[in-house]
Amino acid sequence: ATPSQLSKGGAGSAGAGAAPRDRKRDRNDKPHIHLARLLESAVMKVWNRPGCAMWFQKAVPSNVPGYKEKIAKPIDLGTILNRTKVQFTYRERTTFLEDVDLMYKNAEKFNTAASPITLEAKEIARVIREEVAALSDQLTPLEQECARQRRKPGTSGGRHDKKKGGTASASAPAR
Protein backbone atom coordinates (compact mmCIF):
# COMPACT_ATOMS: atom_id res chain seq x y z
CA ALA A 1 0.00 0.00 0.00
CA THR A 2 1.15 3.51 -0.73
CA PRO A 3 1.50 6.10 2.03
CA SER A 4 -1.51 7.98 0.67
CA GLN A 5 -3.62 4.80 0.79
CA LEU A 6 -2.54 4.18 4.38
CA SER A 7 -3.35 7.72 5.47
CA LYS A 8 -6.80 7.44 3.90
CA GLY A 9 -7.43 4.01 5.40
CA GLY A 10 -7.32 2.36 1.97
CA ALA A 11 -5.71 -0.81 0.57
CA GLY A 12 -6.84 -2.97 3.48
CA SER A 13 -5.01 -0.87 6.04
CA ALA A 14 -6.03 -0.36 9.61
CA GLY A 15 -6.06 3.39 9.02
CA ALA A 16 -7.29 6.06 11.36
CA GLY A 17 -10.94 5.38 10.52
CA ALA A 18 -10.81 1.71 11.57
CA ALA A 19 -10.08 2.09 15.27
CA PRO A 20 -13.23 4.00 16.30
CA ARG A 21 -15.46 1.54 14.43
CA ASP A 22 -13.66 -1.39 16.05
CA ARG A 23 -13.98 0.16 19.51
CA LYS A 24 -17.65 0.85 18.94
CA ARG A 25 -18.25 -2.70 17.72
CA ASP A 26 -16.29 -4.07 20.71
CA ARG A 27 -18.41 -1.96 23.08
CA ASN A 28 -21.63 -3.15 21.45
CA ASP A 29 -20.52 -6.78 21.85
CA LYS A 30 -20.38 -6.45 25.64
CA PRO A 31 -23.13 -8.34 27.46
CA HIS A 32 -24.19 -5.40 29.63
CA ILE A 33 -24.84 -3.38 26.46
CA HIS A 34 -27.08 -6.12 25.03
CA LEU A 35 -28.79 -6.47 28.40
CA ALA A 36 -29.40 -2.72 28.52
CA ARG A 37 -30.95 -2.73 25.06
CA LEU A 38 -33.36 -5.51 26.02
CA LEU A 39 -34.38 -3.77 29.25
CA GLU A 40 -34.75 -0.49 27.36
CA SER A 41 -37.15 -2.22 24.95
CA ALA A 42 -39.32 -3.22 27.93
CA VAL A 43 -39.52 0.41 29.10
CA MET A 44 -40.31 1.62 25.58
CA LYS A 45 -43.39 -0.65 25.48
CA VAL A 46 -45.04 1.69 28.00
CA TRP A 47 -43.24 4.98 27.30
CA ASN A 48 -45.93 6.48 25.03
CA ARG A 49 -48.95 5.53 27.11
CA PRO A 50 -50.94 8.72 27.91
CA GLY A 51 -50.72 8.16 31.67
CA CYS A 52 -47.03 7.39 31.45
CA ALA A 53 -46.19 10.66 29.72
CA MET A 54 -48.18 12.65 32.23
CA TRP A 55 -47.06 11.00 35.47
CA PHE A 56 -44.06 8.71 35.11
CA GLN A 57 -41.57 9.91 32.48
CA LYS A 58 -40.10 12.63 34.70
CA ALA A 59 -39.38 12.97 38.39
CA VAL A 60 -42.13 14.37 40.59
CA PRO A 61 -41.54 18.14 40.79
CA SER A 62 -39.98 19.32 44.04
CA ASN A 63 -42.86 21.74 44.62
CA VAL A 64 -45.43 18.95 45.14
CA PRO A 65 -46.40 19.36 48.81
CA GLY A 66 -45.42 16.47 51.07
CA TYR A 67 -43.79 14.31 48.40
CA LYS A 68 -40.23 14.62 49.68
CA GLU A 69 -41.38 13.88 53.23
CA LYS A 70 -43.41 10.82 52.26
CA ILE A 71 -41.22 9.26 49.54
CA ALA A 72 -37.68 8.34 50.62
CA LYS A 73 -36.47 7.02 47.24
CA PRO A 74 -38.15 8.79 44.32
CA ILE A 75 -37.91 7.05 40.94
CA ASP A 76 -39.46 7.56 37.52
CA LEU A 77 -39.22 5.90 34.11
CA GLY A 78 -36.89 8.63 32.85
CA THR A 79 -34.40 7.76 35.59
CA ILE A 80 -34.84 4.02 34.94
CA LEU A 81 -34.28 4.59 31.21
CA ASN A 82 -31.18 6.69 31.94
CA ARG A 83 -29.81 3.98 34.23
CA THR A 84 -30.51 1.48 31.47
CA LYS A 85 -29.14 3.12 28.33
CA VAL A 86 -26.70 5.77 29.57
CA GLN A 87 -25.27 4.56 32.87
CA PHE A 88 -25.61 0.80 32.21
CA THR A 89 -26.44 0.35 35.90
CA TYR A 90 -28.44 -2.83 35.55
CA ARG A 91 -26.41 -6.02 35.25
CA GLU A 92 -29.39 -8.25 36.03
CA ARG A 93 -33.14 -7.93 35.62
CA THR A 94 -33.84 -8.08 39.36
CA THR A 95 -32.39 -4.62 40.09
CA PHE A 96 -34.20 -3.22 37.06
CA LEU A 97 -37.52 -4.70 38.21
CA GLU A 98 -36.91 -3.47 41.77
CA ASP A 99 -36.78 0.09 40.41
CA VAL A 100 -39.95 -0.49 38.36
CA ASP A 101 -41.71 -1.85 41.45
CA LEU A 102 -40.44 1.06 43.55
CA MET A 103 -42.05 3.48 41.10
CA TYR A 104 -45.38 1.69 41.57
CA LYS A 105 -45.00 1.48 45.38
CA ASN A 106 -44.15 5.20 45.56
CA ALA A 107 -47.29 6.03 43.56
CA GLU A 108 -49.38 3.88 45.89
CA LYS A 109 -47.77 5.35 49.02
CA PHE A 110 -48.22 8.97 47.96
CA ASN A 111 -51.67 8.56 46.43
CA THR A 112 -54.15 5.82 47.31
CA ALA A 113 -54.37 2.25 46.02
CA ALA A 114 -57.46 3.19 43.99
CA SER A 115 -55.97 6.41 42.57
CA PRO A 116 -55.82 6.60 38.74
CA ILE A 117 -52.11 7.42 39.07
CA THR A 118 -51.49 4.31 41.17
CA LEU A 119 -53.54 2.15 38.82
CA GLU A 120 -51.51 3.43 35.86
CA ALA A 121 -48.25 2.75 37.73
CA LYS A 122 -49.48 -0.77 38.49
CA GLU A 123 -50.31 -1.36 34.82
CA ILE A 124 -46.95 0.03 33.68
CA ALA A 125 -45.14 -2.29 36.11
CA ARG A 126 -47.25 -5.25 34.93
CA VAL A 127 -46.50 -4.61 31.25
CA ILE A 128 -42.77 -4.17 31.90
CA ARG A 129 -42.67 -7.37 33.98
CA GLU A 130 -44.43 -9.25 31.15
CA GLU A 131 -41.95 -7.90 28.62
CA VAL A 132 -38.99 -8.86 30.79
CA ALA A 133 -40.45 -12.35 31.31
CA ALA A 134 -40.82 -12.73 27.54
CA LEU A 135 -37.13 -11.81 27.16
CA SER A 136 -35.97 -14.28 29.80
CA ASP A 137 -34.24 -16.66 27.38
CA GLN A 138 -32.16 -13.77 26.04
CA LEU A 139 -31.55 -12.10 29.42
CA THR A 140 -30.32 -15.15 31.35
CA PRO A 141 -27.08 -15.77 29.38
CA LEU A 142 -26.31 -12.03 29.34
CA GLU A 143 -26.78 -11.80 33.12
CA GLN A 144 -24.54 -14.83 33.59
CA GLU A 145 -21.84 -13.29 31.41
CA CYS A 146 -22.09 -9.97 33.29
CA ALA A 147 -21.65 -11.87 36.57
CA ARG A 148 -18.64 -13.79 35.17
CA GLN A 149 -17.01 -10.56 34.03
CA ARG A 150 -17.45 -8.99 37.46
CA ARG A 151 -15.69 -11.97 39.06
CA LYS A 152 -12.73 -12.06 36.64
CA PRO A 153 -9.68 -10.23 37.96
CA GLY A 154 -8.41 -7.56 35.61
CA THR A 155 -11.61 -7.23 33.57
CA SER A 156 -13.67 -4.15 33.36
CA GLY A 157 -16.91 -4.72 35.19
CA GLY A 158 -18.10 -1.19 34.57
CA ARG A 159 -19.65 0.57 37.56
CA HIS A 160 -18.93 -2.38 39.82
CA ASP A 161 -15.15 -2.03 39.63
CA LYS A 162 -13.10 -0.62 42.48
CA LYS A 163 -12.23 3.00 41.96
CA LYS A 164 -9.85 5.36 43.70
CA GLY A 165 -10.99 5.86 47.25
CA GLY A 166 -13.59 3.07 47.35
CA THR A 167 -16.04 1.12 45.28
CA ALA A 168 -18.86 2.20 43.04
CA SER A 169 -22.32 1.17 44.14
CA ALA A 170 -24.31 -1.41 42.17
CA SER A 171 -26.85 1.22 41.27
CA ALA A 172 -26.81 4.96 41.01
CA PRO A 173 -28.43 6.89 43.84
CA ALA A 174 -32.13 7.59 43.40
CA ARG A 175 -33.16 11.06 42.36
C-alpha atoms as a PDB file:
ATOM      1  CA  ALA A   1       0.000   0.000   0.000  1.00  0.00           C
ATOM      2  CA  THR A   2       1.145   3.512  -0.729  1.00  0.00           C
ATOM      3  CA  PRO A   3       1.503   6.098   2.033  1.00  0.00           C
ATOM      4  CA  SER A   4      -1.514   7.983   0.674  1.00  0.00           C
ATOM      5  CA  GLN A   5      -3.619   4.800   0.788  1.00  0.00           C
ATOM      6  CA  LEU A   6      -2.542   4.175   4.376  1.00  0.00           C
ATOM      7  CA  SER A   7      -3.348   7.717   5.466  1.00  0.00           C
ATOM      8  CA  LYS A   8      -6.796   7.437   3.896  1.00  0.00           C
ATOM      9  CA  GLY A   9      -7.431   4.009   5.395  1.00  0.00           C
ATOM     10  CA  GLY A  10      -7.321   2.355   1.971  1.00  0.00           C
ATOM     11  CA  ALA A  11      -5.710  -0.810   0.573  1.00  0.00           C
ATOM     12  CA  GLY A  12      -6.835  -2.967   3.481  1.00  0.00           C
ATOM     13  CA  SER A  13      -5.012  -0.867   6.041  1.00  0.00           C
ATOM     14  CA  ALA A  14      -6.026  -0.362   9.611  1.00  0.00           C
ATOM     15  CA  GLY A  15      -6.062   3.392   9.024  1.00  0.00           C
ATOM     16  CA  ALA A  16      -7.289   6.058  11.359  1.00  0.00           C
ATOM     17  CA  GLY A  17     -10.941   5.381  10.520  1.00  0.00           C
ATOM     18  CA  ALA A  18     -10.812   1.709  11.568  1.00  0.00           C
ATOM     19  CA  ALA A  19     -10.078   2.094  15.268  1.00  0.00           C
ATOM     20  CA  PRO A  20     -13.228   3.997  16.305  1.00  0.00           C
ATOM     21  CA  ARG A  21     -15.458   1.539  14.433  1.00  0.00           C
ATOM     22  CA  ASP A  22     -13.662  -1.388  16.050  1.00  0.00           C
ATOM     23  CA  ARG A  23     -13.982   0.163  19.510  1.00  0.00           C
ATOM     24  CA  LYS A  24     -17.650   0.853  18.939  1.00  0.00           C
ATOM     25  CA  ARG A  25     -18.247  -2.697  17.719  1.00  0.00           C
ATOM     26  CA  ASP A  26     -16.295  -4.075  20.711  1.00  0.00           C
ATOM     27  CA  ARG A  27     -18.405  -1.962  23.078  1.00  0.00           C
ATOM     28  CA  ASN A  28     -21.629  -3.152  21.448  1.00  0.00           C
ATOM     29  CA  ASP A  29     -20.520  -6.779  21.851  1.00  0.00           C
ATOM     30  CA  LYS A  30     -20.378  -6.453  25.644  1.00  0.00           C
ATOM     31  CA  PRO A  31     -23.126  -8.345  27.461  1.00  0.00           C
ATOM     32  CA  HIS A  32     -24.189  -5.402  29.631  1.00  0.00           C
ATOM     33  CA  ILE A  33     -24.836  -3.378  26.456  1.00  0.00           C
ATOM     34  CA  HIS A  34     -27.077  -6.121  25.027  1.00  0.00           C
ATOM     35  CA  LEU A  35     -28.793  -6.474  28.405  1.00  0.00           C
ATOM     36  CA  ALA A  36     -29.397  -2.718  28.523  1.00  0.00           C
ATOM     37  CA  ARG A  37     -30.951  -2.727  25.055  1.00  0.00           C
ATOM     38  CA  LEU A  38     -33.363  -5.509  26.016  1.00  0.00           C
ATOM     39  CA  LEU A  39     -34.377  -3.766  29.250  1.00  0.00           C
ATOM     40  CA  GLU A  40     -34.751  -0.492  27.357  1.00  0.00           C
ATOM     41  CA  SER A  41     -37.148  -2.217  24.951  1.00  0.00           C
ATOM     42  CA  ALA A  42     -39.324  -3.225  27.926  1.00  0.00           C
ATOM     43  CA  VAL A  43     -39.522   0.409  29.098  1.00  0.00           C
ATOM     44  CA  MET A  44     -40.310   1.617  25.584  1.00  0.00           C
ATOM     45  CA  LYS A  45     -43.385  -0.652  25.477  1.00  0.00           C
ATOM     46  CA  VAL A  46     -45.039   1.690  28.003  1.00  0.00           C
ATOM     47  CA  TRP A  47     -43.245   4.980  27.304  1.00  0.00           C
ATOM     48  CA  ASN A  48     -45.926   6.481  25.034  1.00  0.00           C
ATOM     49  CA  ARG A  49     -48.949   5.530  27.110  1.00  0.00           C
ATOM     50  CA  PRO A  50     -50.936   8.715  27.906  1.00  0.00           C
ATOM     51  CA  GLY A  51     -50.719   8.159  31.671  1.00  0.00           C
ATOM     52  CA  CYS A  52     -47.034   7.393  31.452  1.00  0.00           C
ATOM     53  CA  ALA A  53     -46.187  10.656  29.723  1.00  0.00           C
ATOM     54  CA  MET A  54     -48.183  12.648  32.231  1.00  0.00           C
ATOM     55  CA  TRP A  55     -47.062  11.004  35.472  1.00  0.00           C
ATOM     56  CA  PHE A  56     -44.059   8.714  35.112  1.00  0.00           C
ATOM     57  CA  GLN A  57     -41.567   9.911  32.482  1.00  0.00           C
ATOM     58  CA  LYS A  58     -40.097  12.626  34.696  1.00  0.00           C
ATOM     59  CA  ALA A  59     -39.382  12.966  38.390  1.00  0.00           C
ATOM     60  CA  VAL A  60     -42.128  14.367  40.594  1.00  0.00           C
ATOM     61  CA  PRO A  61     -41.539  18.142  40.791  1.00  0.00           C
ATOM     62  CA  SER A  62     -39.981  19.325  44.039  1.00  0.00           C
ATOM     63  CA  ASN A  63     -42.857  21.742  44.615  1.00  0.00           C
ATOM     64  CA  VAL A  64     -45.425  18.948  45.138  1.00  0.00           C
ATOM     65  CA  PRO A  65     -46.404  19.360  48.806  1.00  0.00           C
ATOM     66  CA  GLY A  66     -45.418  16.472  51.066  1.00  0.00           C
ATOM     67  CA  TYR A  67     -43.789  14.306  48.396  1.00  0.00           C
ATOM     68  CA  LYS A  68     -40.226  14.616  49.683  1.00  0.00           C
ATOM     69  CA  GLU A  69     -41.379  13.879  53.226  1.00  0.00           C
ATOM     70  CA  LYS A  70     -43.408  10.820  52.257  1.00  0.00           C
ATOM     71  CA  ILE A  71     -41.215   9.261  49.539  1.00  0.00           C
ATOM     72  CA  ALA A  72     -37.679   8.338  50.621  1.00  0.00           C
ATOM     73  CA  LYS A  73     -36.466   7.019  47.237  1.00  0.00           C
ATOM     74  CA  PRO A  74     -38.147   8.787  44.316  1.00  0.00           C
ATOM     75  CA  ILE A  75     -37.906   7.050  40.943  1.00  0.00           C
ATOM     76  CA  ASP A  76     -39.463   7.565  37.515  1.00  0.00           C
ATOM     77  CA  LEU A  77     -39.216   5.902  34.114  1.00  0.00           C
ATOM     78  CA  GLY A  78     -36.893   8.631  32.850  1.00  0.00           C
ATOM     79  CA  THR A  79     -34.405   7.757  35.591  1.00  0.00           C
ATOM     80  CA  ILE A  80     -34.839   4.025  34.936  1.00  0.00           C
ATOM     81  CA  LEU A  81     -34.277   4.587  31.214  1.00  0.00           C
ATOM     82  CA  ASN A  82     -31.180   6.692  31.944  1.00  0.00           C
ATOM     83  CA  ARG A  83     -29.812   3.978  34.232  1.00  0.00           C
ATOM     84  CA  THR A  84     -30.510   1.476  31.467  1.00  0.00           C
ATOM     85  CA  LYS A  85     -29.144   3.119  28.334  1.00  0.00           C
ATOM     86  CA  VAL A  86     -26.701   5.765  29.572  1.00  0.00           C
ATOM     87  CA  GLN A  87     -25.265   4.559  32.874  1.00  0.00           C
ATOM     88  CA  PHE A  88     -25.610   0.797  32.211  1.00  0.00           C
ATOM     89  CA  THR A  89     -26.436   0.355  35.902  1.00  0.00           C
ATOM     90  CA  TYR A  90     -28.440  -2.825  35.554  1.00  0.00           C
ATOM     91  CA  ARG A  91     -26.407  -6.021  35.248  1.00  0.00           C
ATOM     92  CA  GLU A  92     -29.394  -8.250  36.029  1.00  0.00           C
ATOM     93  CA  ARG A  93     -33.139  -7.934  35.618  1.00  0.00           C
ATOM     94  CA  THR A  94     -33.845  -8.077  39.365  1.00  0.00           C
ATOM     95  CA  THR A  95     -32.394  -4.622  40.093  1.00  0.00           C
ATOM     96  CA  PHE A  96     -34.196  -3.216  37.057  1.00  0.00           C
ATOM     97  CA  LEU A  97     -37.518  -4.697  38.210  1.00  0.00           C
ATOM     98  CA  GLU A  98     -36.906  -3.474  41.773  1.00  0.00           C
ATOM     99  CA  ASP A  99     -36.781   0.086  40.411  1.00  0.00           C
ATOM    100  CA  VAL A 100     -39.950  -0.486  38.355  1.00  0.00           C
ATOM    101  CA  ASP A 101     -41.707  -1.855  41.450  1.00  0.00           C
ATOM    102  CA  LEU A 102     -40.436   1.062  43.548  1.00  0.00           C
ATOM    103  CA  MET A 103     -42.054   3.481  41.099  1.00  0.00           C
ATOM    104  CA  TYR A 104     -45.384   1.688  41.573  1.00  0.00           C
ATOM    105  CA  LYS A 105     -45.001   1.481  45.379  1.00  0.00           C
ATOM    106  CA  ASN A 106     -44.154   5.195  45.556  1.00  0.00           C
ATOM    107  CA  ALA A 107     -47.294   6.035  43.564  1.00  0.00           C
ATOM    108  CA  GLU A 108     -49.385   3.883  45.893  1.00  0.00           C
ATOM    109  CA  LYS A 109     -47.766   5.352  49.022  1.00  0.00           C
ATOM    110  CA  PHE A 110     -48.221   8.969  47.965  1.00  0.00           C
ATOM    111  CA  ASN A 111     -51.671   8.558  46.434  1.00  0.00           C
ATOM    112  CA  THR A 112     -54.149   5.815  47.309  1.00  0.00           C
ATOM    113  CA  ALA A 113     -54.370   2.248  46.025  1.00  0.00           C
ATOM    114  CA  ALA A 114     -57.460   3.192  43.987  1.00  0.00           C
ATOM    115  CA  SER A 115     -55.975   6.410  42.567  1.00  0.00           C
ATOM    116  CA  PRO A 116     -55.821   6.595  38.742  1.00  0.00           C
ATOM    117  CA  ILE A 117     -52.112   7.425  39.073  1.00  0.00           C
ATOM    118  CA  THR A 118     -51.485   4.310  41.171  1.00  0.00           C
ATOM    119  CA  LEU A 119     -53.537   2.146  38.823  1.00  0.00           C
ATOM    120  CA  GLU A 120     -51.510   3.430  35.857  1.00  0.00           C
ATOM    121  CA  ALA A 121     -48.250   2.746  37.728  1.00  0.00           C
ATOM    122  CA  LYS A 122     -49.476  -0.769  38.489  1.00  0.00           C
ATOM    123  CA  GLU A 123     -50.308  -1.359  34.819  1.00  0.00           C
ATOM    124  CA  ILE A 124     -46.948   0.032  33.683  1.00  0.00           C
ATOM    125  CA  ALA A 125     -45.142  -2.291  36.114  1.00  0.00           C
ATOM    126  CA  ARG A 126     -47.245  -5.252  34.933  1.00  0.00           C
ATOM    127  CA  VAL A 127     -46.497  -4.614  31.254  1.00  0.00           C
ATOM    128  CA  ILE A 128     -42.770  -4.168  31.902  1.00  0.00           C
ATOM    129  CA  ARG A 129     -42.675  -7.374  33.982  1.00  0.00           C
ATOM    130  CA  GLU A 130     -44.425  -9.255  31.152  1.00  0.00           C
ATOM    131  CA  GLU A 131     -41.947  -7.895  28.618  1.00  0.00           C
ATOM    132  CA  VAL A 132     -38.988  -8.862  30.789  1.00  0.00           C
ATOM    133  CA  ALA A 133     -40.454 -12.354  31.308  1.00  0.00           C
ATOM    134  CA  ALA A 134     -40.816 -12.734  27.536  1.00  0.00           C
ATOM    135  CA  LEU A 135     -37.130 -11.810  27.157  1.00  0.00           C
ATOM    136  CA  SER A 136     -35.973 -14.284  29.804  1.00  0.00           C
ATOM    137  CA  ASP A 137     -34.239 -16.656  27.375  1.00  0.00           C
ATOM    138  CA  GLN A 138     -32.160 -13.765  26.045  1.00  0.00           C
ATOM    139  CA  LEU A 139     -31.547 -12.098  29.419  1.00  0.00           C
ATOM    140  CA  THR A 140     -30.322 -15.147  31.345  1.00  0.00           C
ATOM    141  CA  PRO A 141     -27.084 -15.768  29.382  1.00  0.00           C
ATOM    142  CA  LEU A 142     -26.313 -12.033  29.342  1.00  0.00           C
ATOM    143  CA  GLU A 143     -26.785 -11.801  33.121  1.00  0.00           C
ATOM    144  CA  GLN A 144     -24.536 -14.835  33.592  1.00  0.00           C
ATOM    145  CA  GLU A 145     -21.836 -13.293  31.414  1.00  0.00           C
ATOM    146  CA  CYS A 146     -22.087  -9.974  33.289  1.00  0.00           C
ATOM    147  CA  ALA A 147     -21.648 -11.869  36.569  1.00  0.00           C
ATOM    148  CA  ARG A 148     -18.643 -13.792  35.169  1.00  0.00           C
ATOM    149  CA  GLN A 149     -17.007 -10.563  34.027  1.00  0.00           C
ATOM    150  CA  ARG A 150     -17.447  -8.987  37.459  1.00  0.00           C
ATOM    151  CA  ARG A 151     -15.685 -11.966  39.064  1.00  0.00           C
ATOM    152  CA  LYS A 152     -12.735 -12.059  36.639  1.00  0.00           C
ATOM    153  CA  PRO A 153      -9.675 -10.235  37.958  1.00  0.00           C
ATOM    154  CA  GLY A 154      -8.412  -7.564  35.606  1.00  0.00           C
ATOM    155  CA  THR A 155     -11.609  -7.234  33.570  1.00  0.00           C
ATOM    156  CA  SER A 156     -13.672  -4.155  33.362  1.00  0.00           C
ATOM    157  CA  GLY A 157     -16.909  -4.718  35.192  1.00  0.00           C
ATOM    158  CA  GLY A 158     -18.104  -1.187  34.572  1.00  0.00           C
ATOM    159  CA  ARG A 159     -19.649   0.571  37.560  1.00  0.00           C
ATOM    160  CA  HIS A 160     -18.928  -2.384  39.822  1.00  0.00           C
ATOM    161  CA  ASP A 161     -15.149  -2.029  39.631  1.00  0.00           C
ATOM    162  CA  LYS A 162     -13.104  -0.622  42.479  1.00  0.00           C
ATOM    163  CA  LYS A 163     -12.232   2.995  41.961  1.00  0.00           C
ATOM    164  CA  LYS A 164      -9.849   5.358  43.701  1.00  0.00           C
ATOM    165  CA  GLY A 165     -10.992   5.860  47.245  1.00  0.00           C
ATOM    166  CA  GLY A 166     -13.588   3.074  47.354  1.00  0.00           C
ATOM    167  CA  THR A 167     -16.040   1.123  45.278  1.00  0.00           C
ATOM    168  CA  ALA A 168     -18.856   2.198  43.042  1.00  0.00           C
ATOM    169  CA  SER A 169     -22.319   1.165  44.135  1.00  0.00           C
ATOM    170  CA  ALA A 170     -24.307  -1.413  42.174  1.00  0.00           C
ATOM    171  CA  SER A 171     -26.851   1.220  41.265  1.00  0.00           C
ATOM    172  CA  ALA A 172     -26.808   4.956  41.009  1.00  0.00           C
ATOM    173  CA  PRO A 173     -28.430   6.895  43.839  1.00  0.00           C
ATOM    174  CA  ALA A 174     -32.129   7.589  43.402  1.00  0.00           C
ATOM    175  CA  ARG A 175     -33.163  11.060  42.365  1.00  0.00           C
END
